PDB file of all heavy atoms in Angstrom:
ATOM      1  N   VAL A   1       0.806  -1.219   0.000  1.00  0.00           N
ATOM      2  CA  VAL A   1       0.000   0.000   0.000  1.00  0.00           C
ATOM      3  C   VAL A   1       0.843   1.275   0.000  1.00  0.00           C
ATOM      4  O   VAL A   1       0.318   2.350  -0.261  1.00  0.00           O
ATOM      5  CB  VAL A   1      -1.019   0.037   1.173  1.00  0.00           C
ATOM      6  CG1 VAL A   1      -1.970  -1.144   1.094  1.00  0.00           C
ATOM      7  CG2 VAL A   1      -0.335   0.097   2.529  1.00  0.00           C
ATOM      8  N   PHE A   2       2.140   1.146   0.266  1.00  0.00           N
ATOM      9  CA  PHE A   2       3.056   2.291   0.283  1.00  0.00           C
ATOM     10  C   PHE A   2       3.906   2.319  -0.977  1.00  0.00           C
ATOM     11  O   PHE A   2       4.193   1.270  -1.563  1.00  0.00           O
ATOM     12  CB  PHE A   2       4.015   2.196   1.475  1.00  0.00           C
ATOM     13  CG  PHE A   2       3.564   2.934   2.696  1.00  0.00           C
ATOM     14  CD1 PHE A   2       2.719   2.329   3.604  1.00  0.00           C
ATOM     15  CD2 PHE A   2       3.978   4.236   2.939  1.00  0.00           C
ATOM     16  CE1 PHE A   2       2.307   2.994   4.734  1.00  0.00           C
ATOM     17  CE2 PHE A   2       3.568   4.917   4.070  1.00  0.00           C
ATOM     18  CZ  PHE A   2       2.725   4.301   4.973  1.00  0.00           C
ATOM     19  N   ILE A   3       4.374   3.503  -1.349  1.00  0.00           N
ATOM     20  CA  ILE A   3       5.447   3.600  -2.335  1.00  0.00           C
ATOM     21  C   ILE A   3       6.707   3.040  -1.668  1.00  0.00           C
ATOM     22  O   ILE A   3       6.818   3.067  -0.432  1.00  0.00           O
ATOM     23  CB  ILE A   3       5.657   5.054  -2.831  1.00  0.00           C
ATOM     24  CG1 ILE A   3       6.044   5.994  -1.686  1.00  0.00           C
ATOM     25  CG2 ILE A   3       4.417   5.565  -3.581  1.00  0.00           C
ATOM     26  CD1 ILE A   3       6.447   7.386  -2.118  1.00  0.00           C
ATOM     27  N   PRO A   4       7.664   2.538  -2.432  1.00  0.00           N
ATOM     28  CA  PRO A   4       8.865   1.945  -1.826  1.00  0.00           C
ATOM     29  C   PRO A   4       9.639   2.902  -0.916  1.00  0.00           C
ATOM     30  O   PRO A   4      10.274   2.470   0.042  1.00  0.00           O
ATOM     31  CB  PRO A   4       9.721   1.537  -3.035  1.00  0.00           C
ATOM     32  CG  PRO A   4       8.742   1.350  -4.138  1.00  0.00           C
ATOM     33  CD  PRO A   4       7.649   2.364  -3.893  1.00  0.00           C
ATOM     34  N   GLN A   5       9.580   4.193  -1.189  1.00  0.00           N
ATOM     35  CA  GLN A   5      10.319   5.180  -0.399  1.00  0.00           C
ATOM     36  C   GLN A   5       9.491   5.734   0.767  1.00  0.00           C
ATOM     37  O   GLN A   5       9.879   6.713   1.396  1.00  0.00           O
ATOM     38  CB  GLN A   5      10.740   6.358  -1.289  1.00  0.00           C
ATOM     39  CG  GLN A   5      11.511   5.973  -2.508  1.00  0.00           C
ATOM     40  CD  GLN A   5      10.626   5.550  -3.688  1.00  0.00           C
ATOM     41  OE1 GLN A   5       9.405   5.460  -3.608  1.00  0.00           O
ATOM     42  NE2 GLN A   5      11.261   5.241  -4.810  1.00  0.00           N
ATOM     43  N   GLY A   6       8.368   5.113   1.073  1.00  0.00           N
ATOM     44  CA  GLY A   6       7.473   5.626   2.105  1.00  0.00           C
ATOM     45  C   GLY A   6       8.112   5.709   3.475  1.00  0.00           C
ATOM     46  O   GLY A   6       9.065   4.992   3.785  1.00  0.00           O
ATOM     47  N   ILE A   7       7.567   6.620   4.280  1.00  0.00           N
ATOM     48  CA  ILE A   7       8.037   6.767   5.658  1.00  0.00           C
ATOM     49  C   ILE A   7       6.841   6.723   6.605  1.00  0.00           C
ATOM     50  O   ILE A   7       5.721   7.113   6.245  1.00  0.00           O
ATOM     51  CB  ILE A   7       8.858   8.056   5.883  1.00  0.00           C
ATOM     52  CG1 ILE A   7       8.023   9.304   5.608  1.00  0.00           C
ATOM     53  CG2 ILE A   7      10.115   8.069   5.054  1.00  0.00           C
ATOM     54  CD1 ILE A   7       8.694  10.586   6.088  1.00  0.00           C
ATOM     55  N   ILE A   8       7.114   6.236   7.797  1.00  0.00           N
ATOM     56  CA  ILE A   8       6.104   6.153   8.843  1.00  0.00           C
ATOM     57  C   ILE A   8       6.715   6.785  10.087  1.00  0.00           C
ATOM     58  O   ILE A   8       7.849   6.459  10.467  1.00  0.00           O
ATOM     59  CB  ILE A   8       5.683   4.691   9.097  1.00  0.00           C
ATOM     60  CG1 ILE A   8       5.093   4.107   7.807  1.00  0.00           C
ATOM     61  CG2 ILE A   8       4.694   4.616  10.249  1.00  0.00           C
ATOM     62  CD1 ILE A   8       4.778   2.635   7.865  1.00  0.00           C
ATOM     63  N   ILE A   9       5.961   7.691  10.699  1.00  0.00           N
ATOM     64  CA  ILE A   9       6.480   8.460  11.825  1.00  0.00           C
ATOM     65  C   ILE A   9       5.589   8.250  13.043  1.00  0.00           C
ATOM     66  O   ILE A   9       4.375   8.466  12.985  1.00  0.00           O
ATOM     67  CB  ILE A   9       6.528   9.961  11.482  1.00  0.00           C
ATOM     68  CG1 ILE A   9       7.368  10.182  10.228  1.00  0.00           C
ATOM     69  CG2 ILE A   9       7.046  10.770  12.670  1.00  0.00           C
ATOM     70  CD1 ILE A   9       7.185  11.541   9.588  1.00  0.00           C
ATOM     71  N   SER A  10       6.207   7.826  14.133  1.00  0.00           N
ATOM     72  CA  SER A  10       5.515   7.688  15.407  1.00  0.00           C
ATOM     73  C   SER A  10       5.866   8.901  16.262  1.00  0.00           C
ATOM     74  O   SER A  10       7.042   9.209  16.452  1.00  0.00           O
ATOM     75  CB  SER A  10       5.976   6.411  16.111  1.00  0.00           C
ATOM     76  OG  SER A  10       5.573   6.418  17.463  1.00  0.00           O
ATOM     77  N   HIS A  11       4.845   9.549  16.767  1.00  0.00           N
ATOM     78  CA  HIS A  11       5.086  10.654  17.701  1.00  0.00           C
ATOM     79  C   HIS A  11       4.331  10.342  18.984  1.00  0.00           C
ATOM     80  O   HIS A  11       3.459  11.080  19.421  1.00  0.00           O
ATOM     81  CB  HIS A  11       4.658  11.997  17.110  1.00  0.00           C
ATOM     82  CG  HIS A  11       5.419  13.139  17.703  1.00  0.00           C
ATOM     83  ND1 HIS A  11       5.409  13.440  19.036  1.00  0.00           N
ATOM     84  CD2 HIS A  11       6.247  14.035  17.141  1.00  0.00           C
ATOM     85  CE1 HIS A  11       6.170  14.479  19.268  1.00  0.00           C
ATOM     86  NE2 HIS A  11       6.710  14.861  18.122  1.00  0.00           N
ATOM     87  N   VAL A  12       4.684   9.199  19.565  1.00  0.00           N
ATOM     88  CA  VAL A  12       4.008   8.725  20.767  1.00  0.00           C
ATOM     89  C   VAL A  12       4.709   9.241  22.014  1.00  0.00           C
ATOM     90  O   VAL A  12       4.078   9.525  23.019  1.00  0.00           O
ATOM     91  CB  VAL A  12       3.915   7.180  20.748  1.00  0.00           C
ATOM     92  CG1 VAL A  12       3.344   6.651  22.049  1.00  0.00           C
ATOM     93  CG2 VAL A  12       3.067   6.717  19.561  1.00  0.00           C
ATOM     94  N   GLY A  13       6.024   9.358  21.966  1.00  0.00           N
ATOM     95  CA  GLY A  13       6.783   9.872  23.103  1.00  0.00           C
ATOM     96  C   GLY A  13       7.165  11.320  22.862  1.00  0.00           C
ATOM     97  O   GLY A  13       6.525  12.024  22.077  1.00  0.00           O
ATOM     98  N   GLY A  14       8.222  11.745  23.504  1.00  0.00           N
ATOM     99  CA  GLY A  14       8.658  13.124  23.374  1.00  0.00           C
ATOM    100  C   GLY A  14       9.297  13.456  22.040  1.00  0.00           C
ATOM    101  O   GLY A  14       9.215  14.575  21.562  1.00  0.00           O
ATOM    102  N   GLU A  15       9.951  12.469  21.429  1.00  0.00           N
ATOM    103  CA  GLU A  15      10.648  12.682  20.164  1.00  0.00           C
ATOM    104  C   GLU A  15      10.007  11.843  19.074  1.00  0.00           C
ATOM    105  O   GLU A  15       9.681  10.674  19.308  1.00  0.00           O
ATOM    106  CB  GLU A  15      12.116  12.256  20.288  1.00  0.00           C
ATOM    107  CG  GLU A  15      12.952  13.149  21.173  1.00  0.00           C
ATOM    108  CD  GLU A  15      13.302  14.459  20.494  1.00  0.00           C
ATOM    109  OE1 GLU A  15      13.543  14.468  19.270  1.00  0.00           O
ATOM    110  OE2 GLU A  15      13.329  15.478  21.201  1.00  0.00           O
ATOM    111  N   PRO A  16       9.846  12.371  17.875  1.00  0.00           N
ATOM    112  CA  PRO A  16       9.319  11.538  16.791  1.00  0.00           C
ATOM    113  C   PRO A  16      10.331  10.461  16.401  1.00  0.00           C
ATOM    114  O   PRO A  16      11.546  10.677  16.468  1.00  0.00           O
ATOM    115  CB  PRO A  16       9.097  12.523  15.643  1.00  0.00           C
ATOM    116  CG  PRO A  16       9.947  13.706  15.964  1.00  0.00           C
ATOM    117  CD  PRO A  16      10.119  13.742  17.442  1.00  0.00           C
ATOM    118  N   VAL A  17       9.804   9.295  16.030  1.00  0.00           N
ATOM    119  CA  VAL A  17      10.631   8.198  15.540  1.00  0.00           C
ATOM    120  C   VAL A  17      10.243   7.986  14.082  1.00  0.00           C
ATOM    121  O   VAL A  17       9.070   7.784  13.770  1.00  0.00           O
ATOM    122  CB  VAL A  17      10.407   6.908  16.351  1.00  0.00           C
ATOM    123  CG1 VAL A  17      11.253   5.771  15.794  1.00  0.00           C
ATOM    124  CG2 VAL A  17      10.698   7.136  17.828  1.00  0.00           C
ATOM    125  N   ILE A  18      11.225   8.050  13.190  1.00  0.00           N
ATOM    126  CA  ILE A  18      10.972   7.974  11.756  1.00  0.00           C
ATOM    127  C   ILE A  18      11.481   6.630  11.232  1.00  0.00           C
ATOM    128  O   ILE A  18      12.640   6.274  11.446  1.00  0.00           O
ATOM    129  CB  ILE A  18      11.647   9.147  11.024  1.00  0.00           C
ATOM    130  CG1 ILE A  18      11.119  10.460  11.590  1.00  0.00           C
ATOM    131  CG2 ILE A  18      11.402   9.044   9.512  1.00  0.00           C
ATOM    132  CD1 ILE A  18      11.879  11.691  11.163  1.00  0.00           C
ATOM    133  N   TYR A  19      10.560   5.903  10.571  1.00  0.00           N
ATOM    134  CA  TYR A  19      10.875   4.572  10.058  1.00  0.00           C
ATOM    135  C   TYR A  19      10.808   4.554   8.539  1.00  0.00           C
ATOM    136  O   TYR A  19       9.921   5.177   7.963  1.00  0.00           O
ATOM    137  CB  TYR A  19       9.816   3.556  10.525  1.00  0.00           C
ATOM    138  CG  TYR A  19       9.647   3.406  11.998  1.00  0.00           C
ATOM    139  CD1 TYR A  19       8.659   4.125  12.680  1.00  0.00           C
ATOM    140  CD2 TYR A  19      10.427   2.513  12.722  1.00  0.00           C
ATOM    141  CE1 TYR A  19       8.471   3.962  14.041  1.00  0.00           C
ATOM    142  CE2 TYR A  19      10.248   2.339  14.080  1.00  0.00           C
ATOM    143  CZ  TYR A  19       9.266   3.064  14.740  1.00  0.00           C
ATOM    144  OH  TYR A  19       9.077   2.903  16.081  1.00  0.00           O
ATOM    145  N   ASP A  20      11.693   3.765   7.916  1.00  0.00           N
ATOM    146  CA  ASP A  20      11.428   3.356   6.548  1.00  0.00           C
ATOM    147  C   ASP A  20      10.511   2.140   6.659  1.00  0.00           C
ATOM    148  O   ASP A  20      10.173   1.701   7.775  1.00  0.00           O
ATOM    149  CB  ASP A  20      12.721   3.076   5.773  1.00  0.00           C
ATOM    150  CG  ASP A  20      13.525   1.903   6.301  1.00  0.00           C
ATOM    151  OD1 ASP A  20      13.046   1.109   7.146  1.00  0.00           O
ATOM    152  OD2 ASP A  20      14.672   1.747   5.848  1.00  0.00           O
ATOM    153  N   LEU A  21      10.081   1.583   5.545  1.00  0.00           N
ATOM    154  CA  LEU A  21       9.090   0.518   5.613  1.00  0.00           C
ATOM    155  C   LEU A  21       9.603  -0.715   6.349  1.00  0.00           C
ATOM    156  O   LEU A  21       8.891  -1.265   7.208  1.00  0.00           O
ATOM    157  CB  LEU A  21       8.602   0.151   4.214  1.00  0.00           C
ATOM    158  CG  LEU A  21       7.889   1.280   3.462  1.00  0.00           C
ATOM    159  CD1 LEU A  21       7.396   0.783   2.120  1.00  0.00           C
ATOM    160  CD2 LEU A  21       6.758   1.889   4.273  1.00  0.00           C
ATOM    161  N   ASP A  22      10.823  -1.161   6.051  1.00  0.00           N
ATOM    162  CA  ASP A  22      11.347  -2.339   6.742  1.00  0.00           C
ATOM    163  C   ASP A  22      11.542  -2.073   8.230  1.00  0.00           C
ATOM    164  O   ASP A  22      11.262  -2.942   9.062  1.00  0.00           O
ATOM    165  CB  ASP A  22      12.670  -2.796   6.120  1.00  0.00           C
ATOM    166  CG  ASP A  22      12.474  -3.497   4.790  1.00  0.00           C
ATOM    167  OD1 ASP A  22      11.361  -4.007   4.533  1.00  0.00           O
ATOM    168  OD2 ASP A  22      13.438  -3.519   3.986  1.00  0.00           O
ATOM    169  N   GLY A  23      12.021  -0.900   8.571  1.00  0.00           N
ATOM    170  CA  GLY A  23      12.220  -0.542   9.974  1.00  0.00           C
ATOM    171  C   GLY A  23      10.926  -0.542  10.760  1.00  0.00           C
ATOM    172  O   GLY A  23      10.923  -0.788  11.973  1.00  0.00           O
ATOM    173  N   PHE A  24       9.821  -0.285  10.091  1.00  0.00           N
ATOM    174  CA  PHE A  24       8.509  -0.309  10.736  1.00  0.00           C
ATOM    175  C   PHE A  24       7.934  -1.722  10.787  1.00  0.00           C
ATOM    176  O   PHE A  24       7.441  -2.169  11.812  1.00  0.00           O
ATOM    177  CB  PHE A  24       7.549   0.619   9.982  1.00  0.00           C
ATOM    178  CG  PHE A  24       6.173   0.661  10.563  1.00  0.00           C
ATOM    179  CD1 PHE A  24       5.915   1.405  11.697  1.00  0.00           C
ATOM    180  CD2 PHE A  24       5.132  -0.037   9.973  1.00  0.00           C
ATOM    181  CE1 PHE A  24       4.638   1.439  12.244  1.00  0.00           C
ATOM    182  CE2 PHE A  24       3.857   0.000  10.497  1.00  0.00           C
ATOM    183  CZ  PHE A  24       3.614   0.738  11.647  1.00  0.00           C
ATOM    184  N   VAL A  25       8.012  -2.435   9.668  1.00  0.00           N
ATOM    185  CA  VAL A  25       7.340  -3.732   9.538  1.00  0.00           C
ATOM    186  C   VAL A  25       8.016  -4.824  10.360  1.00  0.00           C
ATOM    187  O   VAL A  25       7.330  -5.590  11.056  1.00  0.00           O
ATOM    188  CB  VAL A  25       7.277  -4.145   8.048  1.00  0.00           C
ATOM    189  CG1 VAL A  25       6.867  -5.591   7.893  1.00  0.00           C
ATOM    190  CG2 VAL A  25       6.320  -3.239   7.297  1.00  0.00           C
ATOM    191  N   VAL A  26       9.325  -4.948  10.306  1.00  0.00           N
ATOM    192  CA  VAL A  26      10.018  -6.089  10.905  1.00  0.00           C
ATOM    193  C   VAL A  26       9.735  -6.236  12.406  1.00  0.00           C
ATOM    194  O   VAL A  26       9.341  -7.318  12.854  1.00  0.00           O
ATOM    195  CB  VAL A  26      11.534  -6.032  10.586  1.00  0.00           C
ATOM    196  CG1 VAL A  26      12.306  -7.063  11.394  1.00  0.00           C
ATOM    197  CG2 VAL A  26      11.750  -6.224   9.092  1.00  0.00           C
ATOM    198  N   PRO A  27       9.889  -5.193  13.227  1.00  0.00           N
ATOM    199  CA  PRO A  27       9.620  -5.393  14.659  1.00  0.00           C
ATOM    200  C   PRO A  27       8.132  -5.648  14.961  1.00  0.00           C
ATOM    201  O   PRO A  27       7.805  -6.379  15.898  1.00  0.00           O
ATOM    202  CB  PRO A  27      10.108  -4.106  15.322  1.00  0.00           C
ATOM    203  CG  PRO A  27      10.238  -3.108  14.227  1.00  0.00           C
ATOM    204  CD  PRO A  27      10.442  -3.854  12.961  1.00  0.00           C
ATOM    205  N   ARG A  28       7.242  -5.098  14.156  1.00  0.00           N
ATOM    206  CA  ARG A  28       5.821  -5.342  14.388  1.00  0.00           C
ATOM    207  C   ARG A  28       5.437  -6.772  14.040  1.00  0.00           C
ATOM    208  O   ARG A  28       4.651  -7.403  14.733  1.00  0.00           O
ATOM    209  CB  ARG A  28       4.987  -4.321  13.632  1.00  0.00           C
ATOM    210  CG  ARG A  28       4.930  -3.031  14.431  1.00  0.00           C
ATOM    211  CD  ARG A  28       4.739  -1.777  13.618  1.00  0.00           C
ATOM    212  NE  ARG A  28       4.897  -0.639  14.510  1.00  0.00           N
ATOM    213  CZ  ARG A  28       6.069  -0.115  14.860  1.00  0.00           C
ATOM    214  NH1 ARG A  28       7.186  -0.604  14.398  1.00  0.00           N
ATOM    215  NH2 ARG A  28       6.118   0.911  15.686  1.00  0.00           N
ATOM    216  N   GLU A  29       6.019  -7.270  12.969  1.00  0.00           N
ATOM    217  CA  GLU A  29       5.753  -8.666  12.618  1.00  0.00           C
ATOM    218  C   GLU A  29       6.194  -9.590  13.757  1.00  0.00           C
ATOM    219  O   GLU A  29       5.497 -10.545  14.107  1.00  0.00           O
ATOM    220  CB  GLU A  29       6.462  -9.042  11.327  1.00  0.00           C
ATOM    221  CG  GLU A  29       6.178 -10.462  10.897  1.00  0.00           C
ATOM    222  CD  GLU A  29       6.736 -10.782   9.533  1.00  0.00           C
ATOM    223  OE1 GLU A  29       7.815 -10.260   9.175  1.00  0.00           O
ATOM    224  OE2 GLU A  29       6.073 -11.554   8.813  1.00  0.00           O
ATOM    225  N   LYS A  30       7.334  -9.286  14.342  1.00  0.00           N
ATOM    226  CA  LYS A  30       7.848 -10.117  15.435  1.00  0.00           C
ATOM    227  C   LYS A  30       6.880 -10.127  16.615  1.00  0.00           C
ATOM    228  O   LYS A  30       6.492 -11.202  17.083  1.00  0.00           O
ATOM    229  CB  LYS A  30       9.226  -9.631  15.875  1.00  0.00           C
ATOM    230  CG  LYS A  30       9.829 -10.464  17.002  1.00  0.00           C
ATOM    231  CD  LYS A  30      11.203  -9.947  17.386  1.00  0.00           C
ATOM    232  CE  LYS A  30      11.894 -10.714  18.488  1.00  0.00           C
ATOM    233  NZ  LYS A  30      11.129 -11.490  19.400  1.00  0.00           N
TER     234      LYS A  30
END
């Protein structure tokens, strides 16, 4: 559903965390 260069940003804590697709998907799959 994303373009290959997509980014996902979590702003749940004090600092935003910026993920590329693999950086986002791999830990969630685990």
